[in-house]
Amino acid sequence: MGGLGWRSRSNVIFILGIIFALSCPITQAARILVVPVDGSHWINMKILMEELNLRGHNMTVLCYSANWYKERPDLYQTIIVQAQENIEAPSRKETMDKFLVMSLDRLQNSHTLWGNIMLQILMVTFTYNVQRIYQNFNMAIFENKTLLNQFENANFDLILTDPIFGTGPMLAYYLKVPLVYNVRWQMNGEAHFLTAPSPLSYVPLQNSRLTDKMDFLQRTENVIHSVVQHLLSEFLIFPLYNGICHRYLGPDTDIKSILLRADVWLMRVDFVFEFPRPTMPNIVYIGGFQCKPARPLAAEFEEFVQSSGKHGLVVMSLGTFIHSLPMEITMKIAEALSQIPQKVIWKYDGETPPKIGNNTLLAKWIPQNDLLGHPNTRAFVSHGGANGIYEAIYHGVPVIGMPLLFDQFDNLLKLESRGAAKVINIATVHSTDLLQALNEVINDASYGDNMKRLSALHRDQPESPMERAVFWVEYVARHKGAGHLRSESHRLPWYAYYCVDVMIFLLSVLLLLTVLVVGTLKKLCRIVCGKKQKTE
């Protein structure tokens, strides 16, 4: 019998096995404590956790008793902390319901300066109330010595958290564990403004509705926004946490320095979409990491989409928090949608509006990514949430924007400035306004072309954003942190950071030298004048 002998074949198999093993990435399972946030933030975190789970990492999720997400034993272990309600603070549901109603009211006059100010005050008030609610969660953790001992005995390799609330960063400081952020926002605003240089001449503040091209008055407005944001942070938001930090973490601690101790910031940003700005070496950009190729639709959705024929499909969703709108607004939207030749799939969980068209399918849940990736989709009607915007960019679908809350205004402004979206005010919208916007975005090829260009730029990367995110989580776990990438700015007081003390010193030296020179010249003048008088 010809061929290799059994010993030779064994050697070949052994060598091939070694080559295969060496070609595979070597990862050691890390023990990760995840401290997430609700809503779309949880969706982002869960997607990253699913990928980390595929890589063999072990995850434990720390949950507030009132969190909205469900347990997943196949993906992570769960620790639920029961926190007593603070009778002085409104419940989260009450806060959210009231906020949505008031936001729509403020949006009616948001085109005026006073209306915009009132809208910003509403958002700050909402943020403050939610932060107050979470103080119970933080205190419940640090008062529970059994839980803290459980954390210490678990020997976590790192903490992965969203820093909108201070729980994860404070736990990382207490446990002396490396810290990684899955971040877009932190507790007092956009995350870059806390950790990276942010020149106000061309970096617009969040919710300012400005671009990176500002004239003098716009730069003045941007500076005013920055001062107000700083004052609100220092005197309203940070004090909520500083008391807890002083009590449980030491008298020399404060929440701002603790937030800045993160080893790596996985920033959900792509500069294809965002305005260019300065950054830092420990900021890793993973914008659009949740995007993926479209999967086949379920039969009921596919049948409806195929029935659209040559006109195609419009997808509409207002995100995780907004299930329905006041009926007056809903009827106007339904009337506009009924007048377009396209079929419409609308994520909606409320009373069916009387003017709903035969071309519109209402669904409590939709496979948004898969619908946006369908070749029949022509446009996306969106509130402007970051997840939906990046999915639209990934699949090259132009957007009709109806922003409601927080960063949605800025997200849609950035997309509109690139010619890939049309933005309308949902609080004052008429059916004719929405109908006109739909026809313009669908029929004007420039919107689709601009979005396809953004899609091509976004996809043209040496590695996917998800691969980048997973690498840096594992990097921090392997090296027990990434302190060499972290700026020492968090250790500096504000006057040292801005070199105010240095400027005062240099000005003092200059003033002293000026006084000495002037004094010396005066004395020389007196001596010369005295000699002349004697000579005469």
Protein backbone atom coordinates (compact mmCIF):
# COMPACT_ATOMS: atom_id res chain seq x y z
CA MET A 1 0.00 0.00 0.00
CA GLY A 2 1.47 3.31 -1.13
CA GLY A 3 1.53 6.65 0.61
CA LEU A 4 2.98 7.79 3.90
CA GLY A 5 3.43 5.45 6.82
CA TRP A 6 1.37 5.93 9.96
CA ARG A 7 4.33 7.55 11.75
CA SER A 8 4.88 10.03 8.92
CA ARG A 9 1.18 10.82 8.74
CA SER A 10 1.13 11.45 12.50
CA ASN A 11 4.05 13.86 12.18
CA VAL A 12 2.30 15.75 9.38
CA ILE A 13 -0.94 16.00 11.37
CA PHE A 14 1.03 17.19 14.43
CA ILE A 15 2.81 19.91 12.41
CA LEU A 16 -0.45 21.04 10.79
CA GLY A 17 -2.05 21.20 14.24
CA ILE A 18 0.76 23.44 15.51
CA ILE A 19 0.44 25.73 12.47
CA PHE A 20 -3.33 25.97 12.98
CA ALA A 21 -2.95 26.72 16.68
CA LEU A 22 -0.36 29.42 16.02
CA SER A 23 -2.63 31.04 13.44
CA CYS A 24 -5.45 31.40 15.96
CA PRO A 25 -5.51 34.30 18.44
CA ILE A 26 -4.54 33.21 21.92
CA THR A 27 -6.87 34.64 24.53
CA GLN A 28 -7.19 33.85 28.20
CA ALA A 29 -10.70 33.95 29.59
CA ALA A 30 -11.11 37.17 31.57
CA ARG A 31 -13.44 37.70 34.50
CA ILE A 32 -15.37 40.87 33.66
CA LEU A 33 -17.79 42.78 35.87
CA VAL A 34 -20.24 44.69 33.67
CA VAL A 35 -22.10 47.70 35.08
CA PRO A 36 -24.52 48.77 32.32
CA VAL A 37 -27.21 51.42 31.73
CA ASP A 38 -30.76 50.94 30.47
CA GLY A 39 -32.33 51.56 27.07
CA SER A 40 -30.23 51.84 23.92
CA HIS A 41 -27.10 51.89 26.10
CA TRP A 42 -27.94 48.36 27.26
CA ILE A 43 -28.42 47.27 23.64
CA ASN A 44 -24.90 48.51 22.87
CA MET A 45 -23.44 46.79 25.91
CA LYS A 46 -25.23 43.49 25.24
CA ILE A 47 -23.92 43.35 21.67
CA LEU A 48 -20.35 43.78 22.93
CA MET A 49 -20.95 41.20 25.67
CA GLU A 50 -22.21 38.67 23.13
CA GLU A 51 -18.96 39.01 21.19
CA LEU A 52 -16.87 38.74 24.36
CA ASN A 53 -18.85 35.64 25.31
CA LEU A 54 -17.96 34.04 21.96
CA ARG A 55 -14.30 34.65 22.86
CA GLY A 56 -14.74 32.68 26.08
CA HIS A 57 -14.80 35.50 28.62
CA ASN A 58 -16.84 35.19 31.81
CA MET A 59 -19.14 38.09 32.61
CA THR A 60 -21.13 39.15 35.63
CA VAL A 61 -23.72 41.93 35.28
CA LEU A 62 -24.49 44.18 38.23
CA CYS A 63 -28.15 45.21 38.04
CA TYR A 64 -30.22 47.82 39.78
CA SER A 65 -33.49 46.23 40.99
CA ALA A 66 -35.46 48.59 38.73
CA ASN A 67 -33.48 47.87 35.54
CA TRP A 68 -35.43 47.06 32.38
CA TYR A 69 -33.29 44.27 30.94
CA LYS A 70 -33.80 40.59 31.58
CA GLU A 71 -31.46 37.92 32.94
CA ARG A 72 -29.47 35.86 30.44
CA PRO A 73 -27.82 32.87 32.18
CA ASP A 74 -26.40 31.73 28.84
CA LEU A 75 -24.55 35.02 28.44
CA TYR A 76 -23.77 36.30 31.93
CA GLN A 77 -24.34 35.86 35.63
CA THR A 78 -26.51 38.45 37.34
CA ILE A 79 -26.17 40.26 40.65
CA ILE A 80 -29.28 42.27 41.52
CA VAL A 81 -29.02 45.04 44.10
CA GLN A 82 -32.23 46.02 45.82
CA ALA A 83 -32.26 49.75 46.48
CA GLN A 84 -34.90 51.45 48.58
CA GLU A 85 -36.87 54.20 46.93
CA ASN A 86 -36.02 57.73 47.93
CA ILE A 87 -39.32 59.39 48.81
CA GLU A 88 -37.83 62.77 47.89
CA ALA A 89 -36.91 61.65 44.38
CA PRO A 90 -39.56 60.82 41.76
CA SER A 91 -39.64 57.28 40.38
CA ARG A 92 -37.91 56.63 37.10
CA LYS A 93 -41.18 55.90 35.27
CA GLU A 94 -42.74 59.12 36.55
CA THR A 95 -39.64 61.05 35.54
CA MET A 96 -39.60 59.56 32.02
CA ASP A 97 -43.33 60.00 31.35
CA LYS A 98 -43.28 63.61 32.53
CA PHE A 99 -40.11 64.31 30.59
CA LEU A 100 -41.53 63.09 27.27
CA VAL A 101 -44.68 65.19 27.60
CA MET A 102 -42.75 68.31 28.59
CA SER A 103 -40.16 67.76 25.86
CA LEU A 104 -42.83 67.77 23.14
CA ASP A 105 -44.27 70.94 24.67
CA ARG A 106 -40.87 72.68 24.68
CA LEU A 107 -40.14 71.56 21.12
CA GLN A 108 -43.02 73.68 19.84
CA ASN A 109 -40.98 76.82 20.56
CA SER A 110 -37.46 75.38 20.25
CA HIS A 111 -36.78 77.52 17.18
CA THR A 112 -36.63 80.60 19.45
CA LEU A 113 -33.74 81.39 21.81
CA TRP A 114 -35.99 81.28 24.86
CA GLY A 115 -37.63 78.06 23.72
CA ASN A 116 -34.22 76.44 23.22
CA ILE A 117 -33.11 77.59 26.69
CA MET A 118 -36.25 76.11 28.25
CA LEU A 119 -35.65 72.82 26.42
CA GLN A 120 -32.07 72.68 27.75
CA ILE A 121 -33.28 73.41 31.29
CA LEU A 122 -35.76 70.54 30.95
CA MET A 123 -32.99 68.15 29.88
CA VAL A 124 -30.73 69.21 32.75
CA THR A 125 -33.58 68.76 35.24
CA PHE A 126 -34.27 65.29 33.88
CA THR A 127 -30.59 64.34 34.11
CA TYR A 128 -30.43 65.59 37.70
CA ASN A 129 -33.54 63.65 38.74
CA VAL A 130 -32.28 60.40 37.19
CA GLN A 131 -28.89 60.85 38.86
CA ARG A 132 -30.67 61.31 42.21
CA ILE A 133 -32.54 58.05 41.68
CA TYR A 134 -29.27 56.21 41.09
CA GLN A 135 -27.75 57.47 44.32
CA ASN A 136 -29.82 54.85 46.14
CA PHE A 137 -28.22 52.16 43.95
CA ASN A 138 -24.71 53.44 44.68
CA MET A 139 -25.24 53.67 48.44
CA ALA A 140 -26.90 50.23 48.53
CA ILE A 141 -23.75 48.73 46.97
CA PHE A 142 -21.23 50.38 49.28
CA GLU A 143 -23.33 49.71 52.40
CA ASN A 144 -23.47 46.01 51.53
CA LYS A 145 -20.23 44.60 52.94
CA THR A 146 -21.18 41.05 51.93
CA LEU A 147 -21.54 42.16 48.31
CA LEU A 148 -18.25 44.07 48.39
CA ASN A 149 -16.49 40.99 49.80
CA GLN A 150 -18.06 38.93 47.01
CA PHE A 151 -16.62 41.34 44.46
CA GLU A 152 -13.17 41.21 46.08
CA ASN A 153 -13.16 37.41 46.18
CA ALA A 154 -14.23 37.21 42.54
CA ASN A 155 -10.87 38.72 41.44
CA PHE A 156 -12.29 40.47 38.39
CA ASP A 157 -9.77 41.26 35.67
CA LEU A 158 -11.57 44.46 34.68
CA ILE A 159 -14.80 46.41 34.95
CA LEU A 160 -16.67 47.25 31.75
CA THR A 161 -19.17 50.05 32.21
CA ASP A 162 -21.07 52.95 30.69
CA PRO A 163 -20.10 56.05 32.71
CA ILE A 164 -23.42 57.88 32.54
CA PHE A 165 -23.76 56.88 36.18
CA GLY A 166 -20.78 56.73 38.51
CA THR A 167 -21.31 53.20 39.83
CA GLY A 168 -18.82 51.35 37.62
CA PRO A 169 -15.97 53.87 37.96
CA MET A 170 -16.42 54.04 41.76
CA LEU A 171 -16.37 50.24 42.04
CA ALA A 172 -13.22 50.06 39.90
CA TYR A 173 -11.54 52.58 42.22
CA TYR A 174 -12.66 50.67 45.34
CA LEU A 175 -11.61 47.24 44.01
CA LYS A 176 -8.42 48.59 42.34
CA VAL A 177 -9.46 46.93 39.07
CA PRO A 178 -8.72 48.16 35.51
CA LEU A 179 -11.57 50.12 33.97
CA VAL A 180 -12.91 50.15 30.39
CA TYR A 181 -15.73 52.38 29.16
CA ASN A 182 -18.26 51.55 26.47
CA VAL A 183 -19.09 55.22 26.11
CA ARG A 184 -20.67 58.04 24.19
CA TRP A 185 -21.92 60.13 27.08
CA GLN A 186 -20.84 60.53 30.67
CA MET A 187 -22.85 61.92 33.54
CA ASN A 188 -22.51 65.60 32.61
CA GLY A 189 -22.41 65.48 28.82
CA GLU A 190 -20.45 64.25 25.80
CA ALA A 191 -17.51 62.09 26.88
CA HIS A 192 -14.80 63.88 24.87
CA PHE A 193 -15.32 67.08 26.84
CA LEU A 194 -14.28 65.35 30.05
CA THR A 195 -11.09 63.67 28.85
CA ALA A 196 -9.83 65.31 25.62
CA PRO A 197 -8.85 68.90 24.69
CA SER A 198 -11.94 70.57 23.23
CA PRO A 199 -11.24 73.96 21.58
CA LEU A 200 -14.54 75.82 21.57
CA SER A 201 -13.61 77.64 18.36
CA TYR A 202 -14.41 74.56 16.26
CA VAL A 203 -15.70 71.86 18.64
CA PRO A 204 -19.43 72.48 19.21
CA LEU A 205 -20.84 71.63 22.61
CA GLN A 206 -23.53 68.98 22.83
CA ASN A 207 -27.09 70.24 22.27
CA SER A 208 -25.78 73.55 20.93
CA ARG A 209 -26.99 72.64 17.40
CA LEU A 210 -23.82 74.15 15.99
CA THR A 211 -21.39 72.70 13.45
CA ASP A 212 -17.59 72.88 13.38
CA LYS A 213 -17.86 75.97 11.13
CA MET A 214 -18.79 78.81 13.50
CA ASP A 215 -18.79 82.55 13.04
CA PHE A 216 -18.09 85.00 15.88
CA LEU A 217 -21.61 84.96 17.32
CA GLN A 218 -21.79 81.17 17.14
CA ARG A 219 -18.44 80.84 18.89
CA THR A 220 -19.73 83.18 21.57
CA GLU A 221 -22.83 81.01 21.93
CA ASN A 222 -20.64 77.91 22.14
CA VAL A 223 -18.54 79.45 24.92
CA ILE A 224 -21.69 80.39 26.86
CA HIS A 225 -22.99 76.83 26.47
CA SER A 226 -19.66 75.54 27.80
CA VAL A 227 -19.67 77.84 30.84
CA VAL A 228 -23.25 76.90 31.71
CA GLN A 229 -22.45 73.19 31.26
CA HIS A 230 -19.40 73.50 33.50
CA LEU A 231 -21.34 75.31 36.23
CA LEU A 232 -24.17 72.76 36.15
CA SER A 233 -21.67 69.92 36.42
CA GLU A 234 -19.64 71.42 39.23
CA PHE A 235 -22.57 72.63 41.35
CA LEU A 236 -25.41 70.26 40.46
CA ILE A 237 -24.29 66.85 39.14
CA PHE A 238 -20.85 66.18 40.64
CA PRO A 239 -21.85 67.07 44.24
CA LEU A 240 -24.38 64.22 44.14
CA TYR A 241 -21.46 61.80 43.80
CA ASN A 242 -18.76 63.59 45.75
CA GLY A 243 -20.53 62.95 49.05
CA ILE A 244 -20.60 59.20 48.33
CA CYS A 245 -16.96 59.27 47.20
CA HIS A 246 -15.85 61.02 50.40
CA ARG A 247 -17.86 58.63 52.54
CA TYR A 248 -16.86 55.31 50.99
CA LEU A 249 -13.70 55.91 48.93
CA GLY A 250 -11.77 58.44 50.98
CA PRO A 251 -11.87 62.17 51.79
CA ASP A 252 -9.36 63.03 49.04
CA THR A 253 -11.48 61.55 46.22
CA ASP A 254 -13.96 63.18 43.87
CA ILE A 255 -16.09 61.79 41.07
CA LYS A 256 -14.40 63.74 38.27
CA SER A 257 -10.93 62.34 38.98
CA ILE A 258 -12.42 58.85 39.41
CA LEU A 259 -14.16 59.09 36.02
CA LEU A 260 -10.86 60.11 34.39
CA ARG A 261 -9.02 57.03 35.72
CA ALA A 262 -10.43 54.77 32.98
CA ASP A 263 -7.73 52.82 31.14
CA VAL A 264 -9.50 52.74 27.77
CA TRP A 265 -12.49 54.63 26.42
CA LEU A 266 -14.31 52.61 23.74
CA MET A 267 -15.93 55.64 22.11
CA ARG A 268 -19.03 54.96 20.01
CA VAL A 269 -17.90 57.51 17.42
CA ASP A 270 -16.82 57.42 13.77
CA PHE A 271 -15.45 60.63 12.24
CA VAL A 272 -17.18 59.77 8.98
CA PHE A 273 -20.21 61.03 10.90
CA GLU A 274 -18.79 63.18 13.72
CA PHE A 275 -17.00 66.52 13.34
CA PRO A 276 -13.16 66.14 13.57
CA ARG A 277 -11.69 67.10 16.94
CA PRO A 278 -8.63 66.46 19.18
CA THR A 279 -8.44 63.09 20.91
CA MET A 280 -6.31 61.08 23.37
CA PRO A 281 -4.26 57.86 23.05
CA ASN A 282 -6.57 55.82 25.30
CA ILE A 283 -9.69 56.71 23.27
CA VAL A 284 -10.53 53.91 20.83
CA TYR A 285 -13.20 54.69 18.23
CA ILE A 286 -15.80 51.96 17.68
CA GLY A 287 -18.66 53.93 16.10
CA GLY A 288 -21.06 51.57 14.34
CA PHE A 289 -19.67 48.47 16.08
CA GLN A 290 -23.22 47.13 16.46
CA CYS A 291 -23.84 47.16 12.70
CA LYS A 292 -23.81 43.93 10.74
CA PRO A 293 -24.99 42.61 7.37
CA ALA A 294 -28.73 42.17 7.07
CA ARG A 295 -30.17 38.73 7.76
CA PRO A 296 -33.18 37.26 5.93
CA LEU A 297 -36.48 38.68 7.19
CA ALA A 298 -39.20 36.63 8.85
CA ALA A 299 -41.89 35.53 6.41
CA GLU A 300 -44.50 38.13 7.42
CA PHE A 301 -42.04 41.00 7.02
CA GLU A 302 -40.53 39.68 3.78
CA GLU A 303 -43.95 39.22 2.20
CA PHE A 304 -44.92 42.78 3.07
CA VAL A 305 -41.62 44.22 1.80
CA GLN A 306 -41.87 42.33 -1.49
CA SER A 307 -45.38 43.69 -2.02
CA SER A 308 -43.87 47.20 -2.26
CA GLY A 309 -42.85 46.54 -5.86
CA LYS A 310 -40.76 49.17 -7.63
CA HIS A 311 -41.61 51.91 -5.14
CA GLY A 312 -39.81 50.23 -2.25
CA LEU A 313 -40.09 50.51 1.52
CA VAL A 314 -39.90 53.21 4.21
CA VAL A 315 -38.88 52.14 7.73
CA MET A 316 -39.96 54.22 10.72
CA SER A 317 -38.82 53.90 14.35
CA LEU A 318 -38.60 56.34 17.25
CA GLY A 319 -36.25 54.20 19.31
CA THR A 320 -36.29 52.29 22.58
CA PHE A 321 -38.00 54.74 24.91
CA ILE A 322 -40.68 56.17 22.58
CA HIS A 323 -43.33 53.56 21.92
CA SER A 324 -46.02 56.02 20.84
CA LEU A 325 -46.73 59.74 20.55
CA PRO A 326 -49.75 61.92 21.38
CA MET A 327 -52.59 61.00 19.04
CA GLU A 328 -52.66 64.46 17.44
CA ILE A 329 -49.07 64.05 16.23
CA THR A 330 -49.54 60.36 15.39
CA MET A 331 -52.49 61.14 13.12
CA LYS A 332 -50.47 63.70 11.16
CA ILE A 333 -47.64 61.21 10.67
CA ALA A 334 -50.05 58.46 9.64
CA GLU A 335 -51.78 60.77 7.16
CA ALA A 336 -48.47 61.70 5.51
CA LEU A 337 -47.31 58.08 5.33
CA SER A 338 -50.62 57.04 3.74
CA GLN A 339 -50.03 59.38 0.78
CA ILE A 340 -46.69 57.97 -0.42
CA PRO A 341 -46.52 55.10 -2.94
CA GLN A 342 -43.99 53.21 -0.81
CA LYS A 343 -44.94 50.57 1.76
CA VAL A 344 -44.18 51.55 5.36
CA ILE A 345 -43.17 49.46 8.36
CA TRP A 346 -43.62 51.53 11.52
CA LYS A 347 -42.42 50.43 14.95
CA TYR A 348 -45.38 51.48 17.07
CA ASP A 349 -46.94 50.32 20.35
CA GLY A 350 -49.96 52.52 20.93
CA GLU A 351 -53.54 53.08 19.90
CA THR A 352 -53.98 52.64 16.16
CA PRO A 353 -54.46 56.06 14.54
CA PRO A 354 -57.70 56.46 12.53
CA LYS A 355 -55.89 57.79 9.46
CA ILE A 356 -53.52 54.86 9.08
CA GLY A 357 -53.02 53.93 5.41
CA ASN A 358 -53.34 50.51 3.77
CA ASN A 359 -49.65 50.81 2.87
CA THR A 360 -48.55 50.96 6.53
CA LEU A 361 -47.75 48.01 8.79
CA LEU A 362 -47.63 48.73 12.54
CA ALA A 363 -45.43 46.46 14.65
CA LYS A 364 -44.44 46.54 18.32
CA TRP A 365 -41.01 45.25 17.36
CA ILE A 366 -39.13 45.35 14.05
CA PRO A 367 -35.80 43.85 12.90
CA GLN A 368 -34.47 47.35 12.24
CA ASN A 369 -30.98 46.43 11.04
CA ASP A 370 -32.31 43.76 8.68
CA LEU A 371 -34.97 46.08 7.27
CA LEU A 372 -32.47 48.88 6.69
CA GLY A 373 -30.22 46.41 4.92
CA HIS A 374 -32.98 45.19 2.61
CA PRO A 375 -32.45 46.25 -1.04
CA ASN A 376 -36.04 47.55 -1.25
CA THR A 377 -35.61 50.12 1.55
CA ARG A 378 -35.66 53.72 0.31
CA ALA A 379 -35.67 55.84 3.48
CA PHE A 380 -35.57 55.70 7.27
CA VAL A 381 -37.83 57.92 9.43
CA SER A 382 -35.93 58.18 12.72
CA HIS A 383 -35.76 60.10 15.99
CA GLY A 384 -32.00 60.37 15.52
CA GLY A 385 -30.69 57.89 18.10
CA ALA A 386 -27.05 56.99 17.55
CA ASN A 387 -27.70 53.27 17.04
CA GLY A 388 -30.24 53.84 14.28
CA ILE A 389 -28.13 56.54 12.63
CA TYR A 390 -25.08 54.26 12.41
CA GLU A 391 -27.20 51.42 11.05
CA ALA A 392 -28.57 53.79 8.39
CA ILE A 393 -25.02 54.88 7.51
CA TYR A 394 -23.82 51.26 7.38
CA HIS A 395 -26.58 50.29 4.95
CA GLY A 396 -26.56 53.60 3.02
CA VAL A 397 -30.19 54.57 3.73
CA PRO A 398 -31.04 58.33 3.79
CA VAL A 399 -32.91 59.66 6.82
CA ILE A 400 -35.92 61.83 7.61
CA GLY A 401 -35.20 63.01 11.15
CA MET A 402 -37.66 63.92 13.89
CA PRO A 403 -35.50 64.49 17.00
CA LEU A 404 -37.04 64.37 20.46
CA LEU A 405 -34.38 64.20 23.17
CA PHE A 406 -30.72 64.83 24.07
CA ASP A 407 -28.13 64.07 21.36
CA GLN A 408 -30.74 63.31 18.71
CA PHE A 409 -30.74 66.96 17.57
CA ASP A 410 -26.96 67.01 17.11
CA ASN A 411 -26.89 63.58 15.46
CA LEU A 412 -29.38 64.62 12.81
CA LEU A 413 -27.73 68.03 12.34
CA LYS A 414 -24.44 66.27 11.51
CA LEU A 415 -26.16 63.98 9.05
CA GLU A 416 -28.09 66.87 7.49
CA SER A 417 -24.87 68.90 7.12
CA ARG A 418 -23.52 66.04 5.01
CA GLY A 419 -26.56 66.08 2.75
CA ALA A 420 -27.84 62.67 3.88
CA ALA A 421 -30.87 63.68 5.97
CA LYS A 422 -33.82 66.05 6.16
CA VAL A 423 -34.84 67.22 9.66
CA ILE A 424 -38.31 68.37 10.72
CA ASN A 425 -39.78 69.47 14.07
CA ILE A 426 -42.02 66.67 15.31
CA ALA A 427 -43.89 68.93 17.75
CA THR A 428 -45.06 71.35 15.04
CA VAL A 429 -45.15 68.99 12.08
CA HIS A 430 -48.06 69.00 9.62
CA SER A 431 -48.79 66.05 7.39
CA THR A 432 -47.78 68.15 4.38
CA ASP A 433 -44.36 68.87 5.95
CA LEU A 434 -43.60 65.19 6.45
CA LEU A 435 -44.98 64.28 3.04
CA GLN A 436 -42.76 66.88 1.38
CA ALA A 437 -39.69 65.65 3.31
CA LEU A 438 -40.40 62.03 2.37
CA ASN A 439 -40.79 62.82 -1.32
CA GLU A 440 -37.64 64.97 -1.31
CA VAL A 441 -35.42 62.37 0.39
CA ILE A 442 -36.78 59.44 -1.62
CA ASN A 443 -36.86 61.10 -5.05
CA ASP A 444 -33.81 63.39 -4.85
CA ALA A 445 -30.91 61.08 -5.65
CA SER A 446 -28.40 63.30 -3.84
CA TYR A 447 -29.60 62.12 -0.41
CA GLY A 448 -29.09 58.47 -1.27
CA ASP A 449 -25.77 59.15 -3.01
CA ASN A 450 -24.43 61.11 -0.04
CA MET A 451 -25.45 58.38 2.39
CA LYS A 452 -23.90 55.68 0.20
CA ARG A 453 -20.66 57.68 0.19
CA LEU A 454 -20.73 57.81 4.01
CA SER A 455 -21.41 54.08 4.04
CA ALA A 456 -18.40 53.39 1.80
CA LEU A 457 -16.15 55.52 4.02
CA HIS A 458 -17.47 53.90 7.20
CA ARG A 459 -16.89 50.37 5.90
CA ASP A 460 -13.40 51.11 4.52
CA GLN A 461 -11.41 50.18 7.65
CA PRO A 462 -8.53 47.74 8.23
CA GLU A 463 -10.59 46.02 10.92
CA SER A 464 -14.21 46.16 12.00
CA PRO A 465 -15.16 48.41 14.95
CA MET A 466 -16.26 45.29 16.86
CA GLU A 467 -12.86 43.64 16.37
CA ARG A 468 -11.23 46.82 17.62
CA ALA A 469 -13.47 46.92 20.70
CA VAL A 470 -12.82 43.30 21.63
CA PHE A 471 -9.06 43.66 21.12
CA TRP A 472 -8.82 46.58 23.53
CA VAL A 473 -10.95 44.91 26.20
CA GLU A 474 -8.65 41.89 26.01
CA TYR A 475 -5.59 44.17 25.90
CA VAL A 476 -6.56 45.76 29.22
CA ALA A 477 -7.26 42.33 30.74
CA ARG A 478 -3.92 40.90 29.52
CA HIS A 479 -1.82 43.80 30.78
CA LYS A 480 -3.78 44.51 33.98
CA GLY A 481 -4.62 48.00 32.76
CA ALA A 482 -3.31 50.55 30.28
CA GLY A 483 -1.98 53.30 32.50
CA HIS A 484 0.70 54.20 29.96
CA LEU A 485 -2.04 55.50 27.64
CA ARG A 486 -3.79 57.54 30.31
CA SER A 487 -3.15 61.25 30.62
CA GLU A 488 -2.15 62.63 34.02
CA SER A 489 -4.58 65.50 33.58
CA HIS A 490 -6.95 63.97 36.11
CA ARG A 491 -4.37 64.57 38.83
CA LEU A 492 -4.08 68.27 38.04
CA PRO A 493 -6.23 70.99 39.61
CA TRP A 494 -7.97 73.23 37.10
CA TYR A 495 -5.51 76.11 37.54
CA ALA A 496 -2.58 73.77 36.79
CA TYR A 497 -4.36 72.16 33.83
CA TYR A 498 -4.85 75.57 32.19
CA CYS A 499 -1.44 76.82 33.43
CA VAL A 500 -3.10 79.72 35.24
CA ASP A 501 -0.45 79.52 37.99
CA VAL A 502 2.31 79.58 35.35
CA MET A 503 0.79 82.60 33.61
CA ILE A 504 0.44 84.43 36.92
CA PHE A 505 4.07 83.62 37.75
CA LEU A 506 5.34 84.78 34.34
CA LEU A 507 3.26 87.95 34.48
CA SER A 508 4.59 88.61 37.99
CA VAL A 509 8.18 88.14 36.78
CA LEU A 510 7.50 90.42 33.80
CA LEU A 511 5.93 93.03 36.06
CA LEU A 512 8.86 92.80 38.48
CA LEU A 513 11.39 93.16 35.65
CA THR A 514 9.44 96.10 34.27
CA VAL A 515 9.46 97.81 37.69
CA LEU A 516 13.20 97.15 38.11
CA VAL A 517 14.03 98.45 34.60
CA VAL A 518 11.86 101.54 34.99
CA GLY A 519 13.28 102.18 38.47
CA THR A 520 16.86 101.77 37.21
CA LEU A 521 16.27 104.09 34.27
CA LYS A 522 14.75 106.71 36.56
CA LYS A 523 17.75 106.49 38.90
CA LEU A 524 20.19 106.79 35.98
CA CYS A 525 18.29 109.79 34.69
CA ARG A 526 18.52 111.46 38.11
CA ILE A 527 22.29 110.77 38.27
CA VAL A 528 22.86 112.17 34.76
CA CYS A 529 20.72 115.21 35.44
CA GLY A 530 22.53 115.83 38.75
CA LYS A 531 25.98 115.75 37.05
CA LYS A 532 24.81 118.20 34.38
CA GLN A 533 23.59 120.64 37.02
CA LYS A 534 26.97 120.47 38.86
CA THR A 535 28.86 121.03 35.60
CA GLU A 536 26.81 124.11 34.84
